[in-house]
Structure formats: C-alpha cells, structure tokens
C-alpha cells in the first residue's frame, strides 16, 4: 500500500509537501508512510484517500492506476 500512496500522489501531480499539508501531517511522516516504515491509522487513511480522490479499495487493490 505504501508504494501505491506514492504512485497515486505522483499521478495526481502532488509533492510530498503538498499532500502532507492537505492531510495535516509532517513531510517526514508522509515519507515514512510511503517507504512502508510507518503504519497508517484509519483517520489518516481516509484523509489520504480523500486528498488523492481514490477509494480505500483502489488504494488497497493491486490493480492499475486511474
């Protein structure tokens, strides 16, 4: 899931700085999430999905990106 967060972020044309501000977390925390070094709580997962305009299922599934 970590790699998919990064891939969707880049697909949406967002920097780590921009997404972290929208989700209200630090850039370092987002970096840890994208590297798979940090677990995501439900609130953070919902906010990341909202900001990336994707569903939780899209983020969790190994299918293609849109």
PDB file of N, CA and C in Angstrom:
ATOM      1  N   UNK A   1       0.825  -1.185   0.000  1.00  0.00           N
ATOM      2  CA  UNK A   1       0.000   0.000   0.000  1.00  0.00           C
ATOM      3  C   UNK A   1       0.876   1.257   0.000  1.00  0.00           C
ATOM      4  N   UNK A   2       2.019   1.190   0.640  1.00  0.00           N
ATOM      5  CA  UNK A   2       2.903   2.352   0.723  1.00  0.00           C
ATOM      6  C   UNK A   2       3.317   2.844  -0.663  1.00  0.00           C
ATOM      7  N   UNK A   3       3.713   1.914  -1.522  1.00  0.00           N
ATOM      8  CA  UNK A   3       4.136   2.297  -2.874  1.00  0.00           C
ATOM      9  C   UNK A   3       2.972   2.874  -3.673  1.00  0.00           C
ATOM     10  N   UNK A   4       1.773   2.388  -3.405  1.00  0.00           N
ATOM     11  CA  UNK A   4       0.602   2.894  -4.125  1.00  0.00           C
ATOM     12  C   UNK A   4       0.258   4.318  -3.691  1.00  0.00           C
ATOM     13  N   UNK A   5       0.462   4.628  -2.424  1.00  0.00           N
ATOM     14  CA  UNK A   5       0.244   6.012  -1.979  1.00  0.00           C
ATOM     15  C   UNK A   5       1.173   6.935  -2.746  1.00  0.00           C
ATOM     16  N   UNK A   6       2.436   6.560  -2.820  1.00  0.00           N
ATOM     17  CA  UNK A   6       3.410   7.376  -3.559  1.00  0.00           C
ATOM     18  C   UNK A   6       3.019   7.481  -5.036  1.00  0.00           C
ATOM     19  N   UNK A   7       2.652   6.359  -5.634  1.00  0.00           N
ATOM     20  CA  UNK A   7       2.307   6.357  -7.058  1.00  0.00           C
ATOM     21  C   UNK A   7       1.081   7.227  -7.339  1.00  0.00           C
ATOM     22  N   UNK A   8       0.041   7.106  -6.511  1.00  0.00           N
ATOM     23  CA  UNK A   8      -1.150   7.940  -6.705  1.00  0.00           C
ATOM     24  C   UNK A   8      -0.827   9.413  -6.460  1.00  0.00           C
ATOM     25  N   UNK A   9       0.014   9.704  -5.484  1.00  0.00           N
ATOM     26  CA  UNK A   9       0.399  11.094  -5.219  1.00  0.00           C
ATOM     27  C   UNK A   9       1.075  11.689  -6.452  1.00  0.00           C
ATOM     28  N   UNK A  10       2.010  10.945  -7.019  1.00  0.00           N
ATOM     29  CA  UNK A  10       2.721  11.432  -8.199  1.00  0.00           C
ATOM     30  C   UNK A  10       1.786  11.533  -9.402  1.00  0.00           C
ATOM     31  N   UNK A  11       0.887  10.559  -9.538  1.00  0.00           N
ATOM     32  CA  UNK A  11      -0.087  10.585 -10.627  1.00  0.00           C
ATOM     33  C   UNK A  11      -0.963  11.830 -10.551  1.00  0.00           C
ATOM     34  N   UNK A  12      -1.265  12.269  -9.352  1.00  0.00           N
ATOM     35  CA  UNK A  12      -2.087  13.467  -9.143  1.00  0.00           C
ATOM     36  C   UNK A  12      -1.262  14.752  -9.227  1.00  0.00           C
ATOM     37  N   UNK A  13       0.058  14.610  -9.415  1.00  0.00           N
ATOM     38  CA  UNK A  13       0.914  15.779  -9.563  1.00  0.00           C
ATOM     39  C   UNK A  13       1.189  16.510  -8.263  1.00  0.00           C
ATOM     40  N   UNK A  14       1.125  15.789  -7.144  1.00  0.00           N
ATOM     41  CA  UNK A  14       1.355  16.399  -5.832  1.00  0.00           C
ATOM     42  C   UNK A  14       2.745  16.071  -5.310  1.00  0.00           C
ATOM     43  N   UNK A  15       3.348  17.027  -4.646  1.00  0.00           N
ATOM     44  CA  UNK A  15       4.602  16.772  -3.948  1.00  0.00           C
ATOM     45  C   UNK A  15       4.285  16.211  -2.565  1.00  0.00           C
ATOM     46  N   UNK A  16       5.306  15.678  -1.909  1.00  0.00           N
ATOM     47  CA  UNK A  16       5.108  15.224  -0.530  1.00  0.00           C
ATOM     48  C   UNK A  16       4.682  16.398   0.342  1.00  0.00           C
ATOM     49  N   UNK A  17       5.258  17.552   0.109  1.00  0.00           N
ATOM     50  CA  UNK A  17       4.912  18.747   0.880  1.00  0.00           C
ATOM     51  C   UNK A  17       3.428  19.082   0.730  1.00  0.00           C
ATOM     52  N   UNK A  18       2.951  19.086  -0.496  1.00  0.00           N
ATOM     53  CA  UNK A  18       1.546  19.431  -0.745  1.00  0.00           C
ATOM     54  C   UNK A  18       0.590  18.433  -0.096  1.00  0.00           C
ATOM     55  N   UNK A  19       0.853  17.130  -0.282  1.00  0.00           N
ATOM     56  CA  UNK A  19      -0.041  16.129   0.295  1.00  0.00           C
ATOM     57  C   UNK A  19       0.025  16.146   1.815  1.00  0.00           C
ATOM     58  N   UNK A  20       1.207  16.302   2.367  1.00  0.00           N
ATOM     59  CA  UNK A  20       1.320  16.315   3.830  1.00  0.00           C
ATOM     60  C   UNK A  20       0.558  17.497   4.426  1.00  0.00           C
ATOM     61  N   UNK A  21       0.592  18.645   3.766  1.00  0.00           N
ATOM     62  CA  UNK A  21      -0.174  19.803   4.247  1.00  0.00           C
ATOM     63  C   UNK A  21      -1.674  19.530   4.192  1.00  0.00           C
ATOM     64  N   UNK A  22      -2.121  18.902   3.121  1.00  0.00           N
ATOM     65  CA  UNK A  22      -3.549  18.606   2.973  1.00  0.00           C
ATOM     66  C   UNK A  22      -4.038  17.583   4.001  1.00  0.00           C
ATOM     67  N   UNK A  23      -3.163  16.633   4.341  1.00  0.00           N
ATOM     68  CA  UNK A  23      -3.532  15.583   5.295  1.00  0.00           C
ATOM     69  C   UNK A  23      -3.228  16.014   6.732  1.00  0.00           C
ATOM     70  N   UNK A  24      -2.487  17.123   6.859  1.00  0.00           N
ATOM     71  CA  UNK A  24      -2.098  17.665   8.166  1.00  0.00           C
ATOM     72  C   UNK A  24      -1.160  16.727   8.935  1.00  0.00           C
ATOM     73  N   UNK A  25      -0.134  16.275   8.208  1.00  0.00           N
ATOM     74  CA  UNK A  25       0.953  15.514   8.822  1.00  0.00           C
ATOM     75  C   UNK A  25       2.256  16.114   8.316  1.00  0.00           C
ATOM     76  N   UNK A  26       3.353  15.768   8.948  1.00  0.00           N
ATOM     77  CA  UNK A  26       4.638  16.305   8.503  1.00  0.00           C
ATOM     78  C   UNK A  26       5.120  15.564   7.256  1.00  0.00           C
ATOM     79  N   UNK A  27       5.998  16.208   6.517  1.00  0.00           N
ATOM     80  CA  UNK A  27       6.585  15.597   5.328  1.00  0.00           C
ATOM     81  C   UNK A  27       7.341  14.334   5.721  1.00  0.00           C
ATOM     82  N   UNK A  28       8.027  14.366   6.850  1.00  0.00           N
ATOM     83  CA  UNK A  28       8.790  13.190   7.278  1.00  0.00           C
ATOM     84  C   UNK A  28       7.874  12.011   7.581  1.00  0.00           C
ATOM     85  N   UNK A  29       6.710  12.271   8.176  1.00  0.00           N
ATOM     86  CA  UNK A  29       5.748  11.192   8.442  1.00  0.00           C
ATOM     87  C   UNK A  29       5.237  10.624   7.119  1.00  0.00           C
ATOM     88  N   UNK A  30       4.900  11.482   6.168  1.00  0.00           N
ATOM     89  CA  UNK A  30       4.444  11.007   4.862  1.00  0.00           C
ATOM     90  C   UNK A  30       5.534  10.179   4.187  1.00  0.00           C
ATOM     91  N   UNK A  31       6.766  10.622   4.276  1.00  0.00           N
ATOM     92  CA  UNK A  31       7.875   9.854   3.704  1.00  0.00           C
ATOM     93  C   UNK A  31       7.990   8.473   4.326  1.00  0.00           C
ATOM     94  N   UNK A  32       7.835   8.403   5.637  1.00  0.00           N
ATOM     95  CA  UNK A  32       7.873   7.105   6.321  1.00  0.00           C
ATOM     96  C   UNK A  32       6.725   6.216   5.857  1.00  0.00           C
ATOM     97  N   UNK A  33       5.548   6.802   5.679  1.00  0.00           N
ATOM     98  CA  UNK A  33       4.388   6.045   5.195  1.00  0.00           C
ATOM     99  C   UNK A  33       4.672   5.505   3.798  1.00  0.00           C
ATOM    100  N   UNK A  34       5.181   6.356   2.917  1.00  0.00           N
ATOM    101  CA  UNK A  34       5.442   5.945   1.537  1.00  0.00           C
ATOM    102  C   UNK A  34       6.552   4.908   1.432  1.00  0.00           C
ATOM    103  N   UNK A  35       7.447   4.880   2.378  1.00  0.00           N
ATOM    104  CA  UNK A  35       8.505   3.865   2.396  1.00  0.00           C
ATOM    105  C   UNK A  35       8.070   2.589   3.112  1.00  0.00           C
ATOM    106  N   UNK A  36       6.894   2.611   3.710  1.00  0.00           N
ATOM    107  CA  UNK A  36       6.401   1.443   4.423  1.00  0.00           C
ATOM    108  C   UNK A  36       6.964   1.295   5.817  1.00  0.00           C
ATOM    109  N   UNK A  37       7.524   2.373   6.357  1.00  0.00           N
ATOM    110  CA  UNK A  37       8.129   2.343   7.687  1.00  0.00           C
ATOM    111  C   UNK A  37       7.197   2.824   8.784  1.00  0.00           C
ATOM    112  N   UNK A  38       5.968   3.166   8.411  1.00  0.00           N
ATOM    113  CA  UNK A  38       5.019   3.677   9.404  1.00  0.00           C
ATOM    114  C   UNK A  38       3.615   3.188   9.073  1.00  0.00           C
ATOM    115  N   UNK A  39       2.913   2.747  10.089  1.00  0.00           N
ATOM    116  CA  UNK A  39       1.530   2.313   9.926  1.00  0.00           C
ATOM    117  C   UNK A  39       0.618   3.540   9.822  1.00  0.00           C
ATOM    118  N   UNK A  40      -0.520   3.347   9.176  1.00  0.00           N
ATOM    119  CA  UNK A  40      -1.477   4.433   8.992  1.00  0.00           C
ATOM    120  C   UNK A  40      -2.733   4.111   9.789  1.00  0.00           C
ATOM    121  N   UNK A  41      -3.186   5.080  10.583  1.00  0.00           N
ATOM    122  CA  UNK A  41      -4.443   4.860  11.301  1.00  0.00           C
ATOM    123  C   UNK A  41      -5.614   5.154  10.357  1.00  0.00           C
ATOM    124  N   UNK A  42      -6.809   4.774  10.781  1.00  0.00           N
ATOM    125  CA  UNK A  42      -7.994   4.890   9.928  1.00  0.00           C
ATOM    126  C   UNK A  42      -8.283   6.332   9.515  1.00  0.00           C
ATOM    127  N   UNK A  43      -8.137   7.280  10.429  1.00  0.00           N
ATOM    128  CA  UNK A  43      -8.385   8.685  10.098  1.00  0.00           C
ATOM    129  C   UNK A  43      -7.429   9.162   9.008  1.00  0.00           C
ATOM    130  N   UNK A  44      -6.157   8.823   9.167  1.00  0.00           N
ATOM    131  CA  UNK A  44      -5.159   9.251   8.199  1.00  0.00           C
ATOM    132  C   UNK A  44      -5.410   8.589   6.840  1.00  0.00           C
ATOM    133  N   UNK A  45      -5.781   7.309   6.856  1.00  0.00           N
ATOM    134  CA  UNK A  45      -6.075   6.594   5.617  1.00  0.00           C
ATOM    135  C   UNK A  45      -7.232   7.261   4.873  1.00  0.00           C
ATOM    136  N   UNK A  46      -8.290   7.596   5.589  1.00  0.00           N
ATOM    137  CA  UNK A  46      -9.440   8.250   4.962  1.00  0.00           C
ATOM    138  C   UNK A  46      -9.050   9.594   4.363  1.00  0.00           C
ATOM    139  N   UNK A  47      -8.239  10.353   5.086  1.00  0.00           N
ATOM    140  CA  UNK A  47      -7.843  11.678   4.600  1.00  0.00           C
ATOM    141  C   UNK A  47      -6.924  11.569   3.387  1.00  0.00           C
ATOM    142  N   UNK A  48      -6.005  10.618   3.405  1.00  0.00           N
ATOM    143  CA  UNK A  48      -5.122  10.417   2.250  1.00  0.00           C
ATOM    144  C   UNK A  48      -5.956  10.042   1.028  1.00  0.00           C
ATOM    145  N   UNK A  49      -6.884   9.110   1.193  1.00  0.00           N
ATOM    146  CA  UNK A  49      -7.755   8.708   0.081  1.00  0.00           C
ATOM    147  C   UNK A  49      -8.571   9.893  -0.430  1.00  0.00           C
ATOM    148  N   UNK A  50      -9.099  10.682   0.484  1.00  0.00           N
ATOM    149  CA  UNK A  50      -9.888  11.859   0.102  1.00  0.00           C
ATOM    150  C   UNK A  50      -9.041  12.831  -0.715  1.00  0.00           C
ATOM    151  N   UNK A  51      -7.839  13.119  -0.245  1.00  0.00           N
ATOM    152  CA  UNK A  51      -6.981  14.086  -0.927  1.00  0.00           C
ATOM    153  C   UNK A  51      -6.467  13.572  -2.269  1.00  0.00           C
ATOM    154  N   UNK A  52      -6.337  12.253  -2.405  1.00  0.00           N
ATOM    155  CA  UNK A  52      -5.892  11.663  -3.669  1.00  0.00           C
ATOM    156  C   UNK A  52      -7.068  11.321  -4.586  1.00  0.00           C
ATOM    157  N   UNK A  53      -8.295  11.564  -4.081  1.00  0.00           N
ATOM    158  CA  UNK A  53      -9.512  11.291  -4.842  1.00  0.00           C
ATOM    159  C   UNK A  53      -9.603   9.822  -5.264  1.00  0.00           C
ATOM    160  N   UNK A  54      -9.364   8.933  -4.310  1.00  0.00           N
ATOM    161  CA  UNK A  54      -9.461   7.495  -4.549  1.00  0.00           C
ATOM    162  C   UNK A  54     -10.202   6.857  -3.384  1.00  0.00           C
ATOM    163  N   UNK A  55     -10.706   5.658  -3.619  1.00  0.00           N
ATOM    164  CA  UNK A  55     -11.355   4.911  -2.542  1.00  0.00           C
ATOM    165  C   UNK A  55     -10.311   4.073  -1.811  1.00  0.00           C
ATOM    166  N   UNK A  56     -10.675   3.621  -0.630  1.00  0.00           N
ATOM    167  CA  UNK A  56      -9.784   2.733   0.123  1.00  0.00           C
ATOM    168  C   UNK A  56      -9.514   1.475  -0.696  1.00  0.00           C
ATOM    169  N   UNK A  57     -10.531   0.960  -1.380  1.00  0.00           N
ATOM    170  CA  UNK A  57     -10.367  -0.241  -2.203  1.00  0.00           C
ATOM    171  C   UNK A  57      -9.360  -0.016  -3.328  1.00  0.00           C
ATOM    172  N   UNK A  58      -9.415   1.151  -3.957  1.00  0.00           N
ATOM    173  CA  UNK A  58      -8.452   1.461  -5.024  1.00  0.00           C
ATOM    174  C   UNK A  58      -7.031   1.493  -4.480  1.00  0.00           C
ATOM    175  N   UNK A  59      -6.883   2.034  -3.299  1.00  0.00           N
ATOM    176  CA  UNK A  59      -5.558   2.114  -2.697  1.00  0.00           C
ATOM    177  C   UNK A  59      -5.048   0.732  -2.313  1.00  0.00           C
ATOM    178  N   UNK A  60      -5.930  -0.111  -1.828  1.00  0.00           N
ATOM    179  CA  UNK A  60      -5.526  -1.428  -1.337  1.00  0.00           C
ATOM    180  C   UNK A  60      -5.375  -2.470  -2.442  1.00  0.00           C
ATOM    181  N   UNK A  61      -6.049  -2.277  -3.577  1.00  0.00           N
ATOM    182  CA  UNK A  61      -6.004  -3.301  -4.625  1.00  0.00           C
ATOM    183  C   UNK A  61      -4.743  -3.165  -5.470  1.00  0.00           C
ATOM    184  N   UNK A  62      -4.247  -4.302  -5.976  1.00  0.00           N
ATOM    185  CA  UNK A  62      -3.030  -4.267  -6.791  1.00  0.00           C
ATOM    186  C   UNK A  62      -3.284  -3.916  -8.251  1.00  0.00           C
ATOM    187  N   UNK A  63      -4.500  -3.482  -8.600  1.00  0.00           N
ATOM    188  CA  UNK A  63      -4.853  -3.178  -9.988  1.00  0.00           C
ATOM    189  C   UNK A  63      -4.165  -1.936 -10.524  1.00  0.00           C
ATOM    190  N   UNK A  64      -4.573  -1.546 -11.707  1.00  0.00           N
ATOM    191  CA  UNK A  64      -3.954  -0.400 -12.374  1.00  0.00           C
ATOM    192  C   UNK A  64      -4.416   0.919 -11.760  1.00  0.00           C
ATOM    193  N   UNK A  65      -3.677   1.965 -12.078  1.00  0.00           N
ATOM    194  CA  UNK A  65      -3.980   3.306 -11.581  1.00  0.00           C
ATOM    195  C   UNK A  65      -4.898   4.001 -12.561  1.00  0.00           C
ATOM    196  N   UNK A  66      -5.677   4.983 -12.040  1.00  0.00           N
ATOM    197  CA  UNK A  66      -6.516   5.774 -12.947  1.00  0.00           C
ATOM    198  C   UNK A  66      -6.143   7.227 -12.860  1.00  0.00           C
TER     199      UNK A  66
END
